[in-house]
């Protein structure tokens, strides 16, 4: 079973649905990191990846002894995109105004959507309960006189 992070759109967007981001290794992100970033509309991350890859290419051309290092760095970058691709996608969605609303464990995206939406109705019912009224003067920040206190809260007469 996979873990899905539920990202809800900003309140002002009409007709926008939640986005379910699967947490885990992305093989396409590992094999074709540039294509995966473009497919998921991660524009800033794509520009950074291109700059790093071009920099590694220039480093490989200028110094003949650094070919192994450049190849190793390219593989490490691909592994990073494969492992942390979901986190990059979540960060990009946060920049666009989306908010994390939950984490769901499910076998596929359709099951994740069903689980989230079925649990959401219960959460909304809990959130709509009225809060009890606040009564003034019930909590005291310090005890009167030199009475002993226990811990952070004042319990007069208890040691």
Protein backbone atom coordinates (compact mmCIF):
# COMPACT_ATOMS: atom_id res chain seq x y z
CA UNK A 1 0.00 0.00 0.00
CA UNK A 2 1.17 3.49 -0.80
CA UNK A 3 0.92 6.72 1.16
CA UNK A 4 -0.84 9.65 -0.52
CA UNK A 5 -0.61 13.27 0.64
CA UNK A 6 -3.84 15.18 0.03
CA UNK A 7 -3.37 18.75 -1.18
CA UNK A 8 -6.46 20.97 -1.29
CA UNK A 9 -6.61 24.00 -3.59
CA UNK A 10 -6.90 27.55 -2.29
CA UNK A 11 -10.41 28.68 -1.33
CA UNK A 12 -10.68 31.12 -4.26
CA UNK A 13 -10.32 28.47 -6.99
CA UNK A 14 -13.71 27.31 -8.18
CA UNK A 15 -13.93 23.80 -9.59
CA UNK A 16 -10.42 22.76 -8.52
CA UNK A 17 -10.14 19.30 -7.01
CA UNK A 18 -7.79 17.90 -4.41
CA UNK A 19 -4.46 16.60 -5.67
CA UNK A 20 -3.22 13.28 -4.35
CA UNK A 21 0.58 13.03 -4.34
CA UNK A 22 1.92 9.49 -3.96
CA UNK A 23 4.88 9.30 -1.62
CA UNK A 24 7.49 6.84 -2.78
CA UNK A 25 10.11 6.19 -5.40
CA UNK A 26 9.31 7.45 -8.90
CA UNK A 27 11.00 5.34 -11.57
CA UNK A 28 10.33 7.83 -14.35
CA UNK A 29 11.84 10.56 -12.14
CA UNK A 30 14.93 8.39 -11.78
CA UNK A 31 15.26 7.37 -15.43
CA UNK A 32 14.16 10.65 -17.05
CA UNK A 33 14.38 13.37 -14.38
CA UNK A 34 13.97 16.31 -16.78
CA UNK A 35 10.88 14.82 -18.42
CA UNK A 36 9.35 13.93 -15.04
CA UNK A 37 9.87 17.46 -13.70
CA UNK A 38 8.34 19.02 -16.82
CA UNK A 39 5.40 16.57 -16.76
CA UNK A 40 4.60 17.57 -13.17
CA UNK A 41 4.99 21.29 -13.96
CA UNK A 42 7.89 21.82 -11.59
CA UNK A 43 9.32 24.79 -13.46
CA UNK A 44 11.76 26.13 -10.86
CA UNK A 45 13.12 22.66 -10.15
CA UNK A 46 13.54 22.06 -13.90
CA UNK A 47 15.57 25.25 -14.30
CA UNK A 48 17.76 24.28 -11.32
CA UNK A 49 18.26 20.77 -12.74
CA UNK A 50 19.21 22.17 -16.15
CA UNK A 51 21.69 24.59 -14.57
CA UNK A 52 23.30 21.82 -12.51
CA UNK A 53 23.45 19.44 -15.48
CA UNK A 54 24.96 22.11 -17.73
CA UNK A 55 27.46 22.96 -15.00
CA UNK A 56 28.42 19.31 -14.67
CA UNK A 57 28.75 19.07 -18.45
CA UNK A 58 31.06 22.07 -18.55
CA UNK A 59 33.08 20.64 -15.66
CA UNK A 60 33.42 17.33 -17.49
CA UNK A 61 34.60 19.04 -20.68
CA UNK A 62 37.15 21.30 -19.01
CA UNK A 63 38.80 18.73 -16.75
CA UNK A 64 39.48 15.29 -18.14
CA UNK A 65 40.02 13.71 -14.75
CA UNK A 66 36.55 14.67 -13.49
CA UNK A 67 34.59 12.40 -15.88
CA UNK A 68 33.95 9.79 -13.19
CA UNK A 69 32.84 12.45 -10.74
CA UNK A 70 30.47 14.02 -13.28
CA UNK A 71 28.93 10.63 -14.08
CA UNK A 72 28.54 9.85 -10.39
CA UNK A 73 26.96 13.24 -9.68
CA UNK A 74 24.50 12.75 -12.55
CA UNK A 75 23.44 9.39 -11.14
CA UNK A 76 23.09 10.87 -7.63
CA UNK A 77 20.89 13.68 -8.98
CA UNK A 78 18.70 11.11 -10.76
CA UNK A 79 18.40 9.08 -7.55
CA UNK A 80 17.48 12.25 -5.65
CA UNK A 81 14.72 13.12 -8.14
CA UNK A 82 13.42 9.55 -7.95
CA UNK A 83 13.38 9.53 -4.13
CA UNK A 84 12.33 13.12 -3.36
CA UNK A 85 10.16 13.85 -6.39
CA UNK A 86 6.98 13.80 -4.32
CA UNK A 87 8.44 16.28 -1.83
CA UNK A 88 9.42 18.58 -4.69
CA UNK A 89 5.88 18.34 -6.05
CA UNK A 90 4.35 19.10 -2.63
CA UNK A 91 6.62 22.16 -2.24
CA UNK A 92 5.56 23.41 -5.67
CA UNK A 93 1.88 22.96 -4.78
CA UNK A 94 2.41 24.89 -1.52
CA UNK A 95 3.92 27.75 -3.51
CA UNK A 96 0.75 27.78 -5.64
CA UNK A 97 -1.43 28.12 -2.54
CA UNK A 98 -2.42 24.50 -1.95
CA UNK A 99 -2.56 23.25 1.63
CA UNK A 100 -1.91 19.80 3.07
CA UNK A 101 -5.15 18.36 4.40
CA UNK A 102 -4.28 14.82 5.20
CA UNK A 103 -2.36 11.64 4.58
CA UNK A 104 -4.10 8.52 3.31
CA UNK A 105 -2.82 4.97 2.96
CA UNK A 106 -4.30 3.18 -0.03
CA UNK A 107 -3.49 0.77 -2.83
CA UNK A 108 -4.09 3.27 -5.63
CA UNK A 109 -5.22 6.85 -6.22
CA UNK A 110 -8.92 5.96 -6.54
CA UNK A 111 -8.89 4.16 -3.18
CA UNK A 112 -7.02 7.09 -1.61
CA UNK A 113 -9.68 9.47 -2.87
CA UNK A 114 -12.49 7.29 -1.47
CA UNK A 115 -10.79 6.95 1.91
CA UNK A 116 -10.09 10.65 2.19
CA UNK A 117 -13.57 11.74 1.17
CA UNK A 118 -15.28 9.20 3.47
CA UNK A 119 -13.20 10.37 6.45
CA UNK A 120 -13.68 14.02 5.53
CA UNK A 121 -17.40 14.06 6.28
CA UNK A 122 -16.73 12.89 9.83
CA UNK A 123 -14.03 15.54 10.33
CA UNK A 124 -16.31 18.30 9.07
CA UNK A 125 -19.02 17.23 11.53
CA UNK A 126 -16.51 17.38 14.36
CA UNK A 127 -15.26 20.81 13.28
CA UNK A 128 -18.79 22.27 13.20
CA UNK A 129 -19.57 21.58 16.86
CA UNK A 130 -19.85 24.77 18.90
CA UNK A 131 -17.13 25.39 21.44
CA UNK A 132 -18.08 25.69 25.11
CA UNK A 133 -18.34 29.25 26.41
CA UNK A 134 -15.33 30.74 28.14
CA UNK A 135 -15.94 31.59 31.76
CA UNK A 136 -13.87 34.40 33.12
CA UNK A 137 -12.04 34.07 36.41
CA UNK A 138 -11.86 30.25 36.51
CA UNK A 139 -8.13 29.86 35.93
CA UNK A 140 -5.58 31.52 38.15
CA UNK A 141 -2.02 32.13 37.09
CA UNK A 142 -0.64 32.23 40.63
CA UNK A 143 -1.76 31.22 44.07
CA UNK A 144 -2.56 33.69 46.78
CA UNK A 145 0.02 33.97 49.53
CA UNK A 146 2.83 31.51 50.19
CA UNK A 147 0.99 28.26 49.48
CA UNK A 148 3.00 25.44 47.90
CA UNK A 149 2.56 24.63 44.20
CA UNK A 150 3.03 21.46 42.18
CA UNK A 151 4.68 21.71 38.75
CA UNK A 152 3.58 24.43 36.38
CA UNK A 153 0.04 24.66 37.68
CA UNK A 154 -0.94 26.01 41.04
CA UNK A 155 -2.53 23.40 43.28
CA UNK A 156 -2.70 25.06 46.69
CA UNK A 157 -2.07 22.79 49.62
CA UNK A 158 -0.49 19.92 47.62
CA UNK A 159 3.22 19.19 47.75
